[in-house]
């Protein structure tokens, strides 16, 4: 299962005064993963949990569970069409 960060992740990091590198060091989540998450890419629940603990935040305040409906909505918004079978 993957989750997607909302804009609050970047805000929480800034409120703690962490750079991405510092948050990586505190949380154990690679810098590339944090950067991708802040830019809207999905990440694992395990990594999301580590970030929540490091930032002392509630999971649902920072992340949304990615479902097929969310993926389909994003495809629609971006004008991506599925190939016909």
C-alpha atoms as a PDB file:
ATOM      1  CA  UNK A   1       0.000   0.000   0.000  1.00  0.00           C
ATOM      2  CA  UNK A   2       1.229   3.464  -0.853  1.00  0.00           C
ATOM      3  CA  UNK A   3       0.314   6.820   0.618  1.00  0.00           C
ATOM      4  CA  UNK A   4       0.581  10.323  -0.698  1.00  0.00           C
ATOM      5  CA  UNK A   5       1.763  13.315   1.288  1.00  0.00           C
ATOM      6  CA  UNK A   6      -0.322  16.438   1.367  1.00  0.00           C
ATOM      7  CA  UNK A   7       1.140  19.946   1.532  1.00  0.00           C
ATOM      8  CA  UNK A   8       1.281  19.708   5.301  1.00  0.00           C
ATOM      9  CA  UNK A   9       4.417  17.492   5.159  1.00  0.00           C
ATOM     10  CA  UNK A  10       6.565  20.339   3.845  1.00  0.00           C
ATOM     11  CA  UNK A  11       4.986  22.775   6.298  1.00  0.00           C
ATOM     12  CA  UNK A  12       5.600  20.454   9.271  1.00  0.00           C
ATOM     13  CA  UNK A  13       9.226  19.992   8.214  1.00  0.00           C
ATOM     14  CA  UNK A  14       9.682  23.767   7.987  1.00  0.00           C
ATOM     15  CA  UNK A  15       7.982  24.307  11.360  1.00  0.00           C
ATOM     16  CA  UNK A  16      10.558  22.004  12.933  1.00  0.00           C
ATOM     17  CA  UNK A  17      13.346  23.881  11.169  1.00  0.00           C
ATOM     18  CA  UNK A  18      14.525  20.755   9.342  1.00  0.00           C
ATOM     19  CA  UNK A  19      16.097  20.644   5.939  1.00  0.00           C
ATOM     20  CA  UNK A  20      15.287  17.522   3.945  1.00  0.00           C
ATOM     21  CA  UNK A  21      18.732  16.185   4.862  1.00  0.00           C
ATOM     22  CA  UNK A  22      18.139  16.807   8.576  1.00  0.00           C
ATOM     23  CA  UNK A  23      14.700  15.181   8.485  1.00  0.00           C
ATOM     24  CA  UNK A  24      16.263  12.222   6.726  1.00  0.00           C
ATOM     25  CA  UNK A  25      18.836  11.889   9.491  1.00  0.00           C
ATOM     26  CA  UNK A  26      16.205  12.132  12.253  1.00  0.00           C
ATOM     27  CA  UNK A  27      13.646   9.850  10.592  1.00  0.00           C
ATOM     28  CA  UNK A  28      15.796   7.296   8.781  1.00  0.00           C
ATOM     29  CA  UNK A  29      13.924   7.994   5.528  1.00  0.00           C
ATOM     30  CA  UNK A  30      16.207   8.662   2.533  1.00  0.00           C
ATOM     31  CA  UNK A  31      16.418  12.268   1.326  1.00  0.00           C
ATOM     32  CA  UNK A  32      15.242  11.259  -2.160  1.00  0.00           C
ATOM     33  CA  UNK A  33      12.111   9.660  -0.686  1.00  0.00           C
ATOM     34  CA  UNK A  34      11.284  12.780   1.320  1.00  0.00           C
ATOM     35  CA  UNK A  35      11.844  15.011  -1.691  1.00  0.00           C
ATOM     36  CA  UNK A  36       9.660  12.837  -3.909  1.00  0.00           C
ATOM     37  CA  UNK A  37       6.935  12.753  -1.243  1.00  0.00           C
ATOM     38  CA  UNK A  38       6.946  16.536  -0.963  1.00  0.00           C
ATOM     39  CA  UNK A  39       6.593  16.686  -4.743  1.00  0.00           C
ATOM     40  CA  UNK A  40       3.505  14.486  -4.782  1.00  0.00           C
ATOM     41  CA  UNK A  41       4.978  11.045  -5.389  1.00  0.00           C
ATOM     42  CA  UNK A  42       3.653   8.132  -3.329  1.00  0.00           C
ATOM     43  CA  UNK A  43       5.696   6.501  -0.594  1.00  0.00           C
ATOM     44  CA  UNK A  44       5.373   3.438   1.602  1.00  0.00           C
ATOM     45  CA  UNK A  45       3.330   3.418   4.777  1.00  0.00           C
ATOM     46  CA  UNK A  46       6.505   2.479   6.660  1.00  0.00           C
ATOM     47  CA  UNK A  47       8.360   5.589   5.456  1.00  0.00           C
ATOM     48  CA  UNK A  48       5.313   7.757   6.129  1.00  0.00           C
ATOM     49  CA  UNK A  49       5.139   6.411   9.690  1.00  0.00           C
ATOM     50  CA  UNK A  50       8.802   7.232  10.280  1.00  0.00           C
ATOM     51  CA  UNK A  51       8.237  10.782   9.080  1.00  0.00           C
ATOM     52  CA  UNK A  52       5.208  11.174  11.350  1.00  0.00           C
ATOM     53  CA  UNK A  53       7.192  10.016  14.367  1.00  0.00           C
ATOM     54  CA  UNK A  54      10.109  12.334  13.548  1.00  0.00           C
ATOM     55  CA  UNK A  55       7.772  15.305  13.103  1.00  0.00           C
ATOM     56  CA  UNK A  56       5.472  14.332  16.000  1.00  0.00           C
ATOM     57  CA  UNK A  57       2.470  14.500  13.672  1.00  0.00           C
ATOM     58  CA  UNK A  58      -0.670  12.424  13.227  1.00  0.00           C
ATOM     59  CA  UNK A  59      -0.571  10.222  10.121  1.00  0.00           C
ATOM     60  CA  UNK A  60      -3.851  11.513   8.689  1.00  0.00           C
ATOM     61  CA  UNK A  61      -2.671  15.123   9.022  1.00  0.00           C
ATOM     62  CA  UNK A  62       0.241  14.495   6.646  1.00  0.00           C
ATOM     63  CA  UNK A  63      -0.798  11.620   4.389  1.00  0.00           C
ATOM     64  CA  UNK A  64      -3.675  10.213   2.395  1.00  0.00           C
ATOM     65  CA  UNK A  65      -4.029   6.565   1.487  1.00  0.00           C
ATOM     66  CA  UNK A  66      -3.772   6.198  -2.264  1.00  0.00           C
ATOM     67  CA  UNK A  67      -6.676   4.305  -3.734  1.00  0.00           C
ATOM     68  CA  UNK A  68      -7.616   3.446  -7.278  1.00  0.00           C
ATOM     69  CA  UNK A  69     -10.240   6.200  -7.154  1.00  0.00           C
ATOM     70  CA  UNK A  70      -7.612   8.820  -6.333  1.00  0.00           C
ATOM     71  CA  UNK A  71      -5.367   7.518  -9.087  1.00  0.00           C
ATOM     72  CA  UNK A  72      -8.240   7.602 -11.580  1.00  0.00           C
ATOM     73  CA  UNK A  73      -9.185  11.155 -10.530  1.00  0.00           C
ATOM     74  CA  UNK A  74      -5.605  12.313 -11.052  1.00  0.00           C
ATOM     75  CA  UNK A  75      -5.456  10.674 -14.475  1.00  0.00           C
ATOM     76  CA  UNK A  76      -8.679  12.421 -15.397  1.00  0.00           C
ATOM     77  CA  UNK A  77      -7.369  15.795 -14.194  1.00  0.00           C
ATOM     78  CA  UNK A  78      -4.178  15.321 -16.226  1.00  0.00           C
ATOM     79  CA  UNK A  79      -6.089  14.218 -19.311  1.00  0.00           C
ATOM     80  CA  UNK A  80      -4.575  10.729 -19.295  1.00  0.00           C
ATOM     81  CA  UNK A  81      -6.742   8.153 -21.033  1.00  0.00           C
ATOM     82  CA  UNK A  82      -6.496   4.411 -20.562  1.00  0.00           C
ATOM     83  CA  UNK A  83      -5.861   2.367 -23.703  1.00  0.00           C
ATOM     84  CA  UNK A  84      -8.871   0.447 -24.928  1.00  0.00           C
ATOM     85  CA  UNK A  85      -8.722  -3.315 -24.751  1.00  0.00           C
END
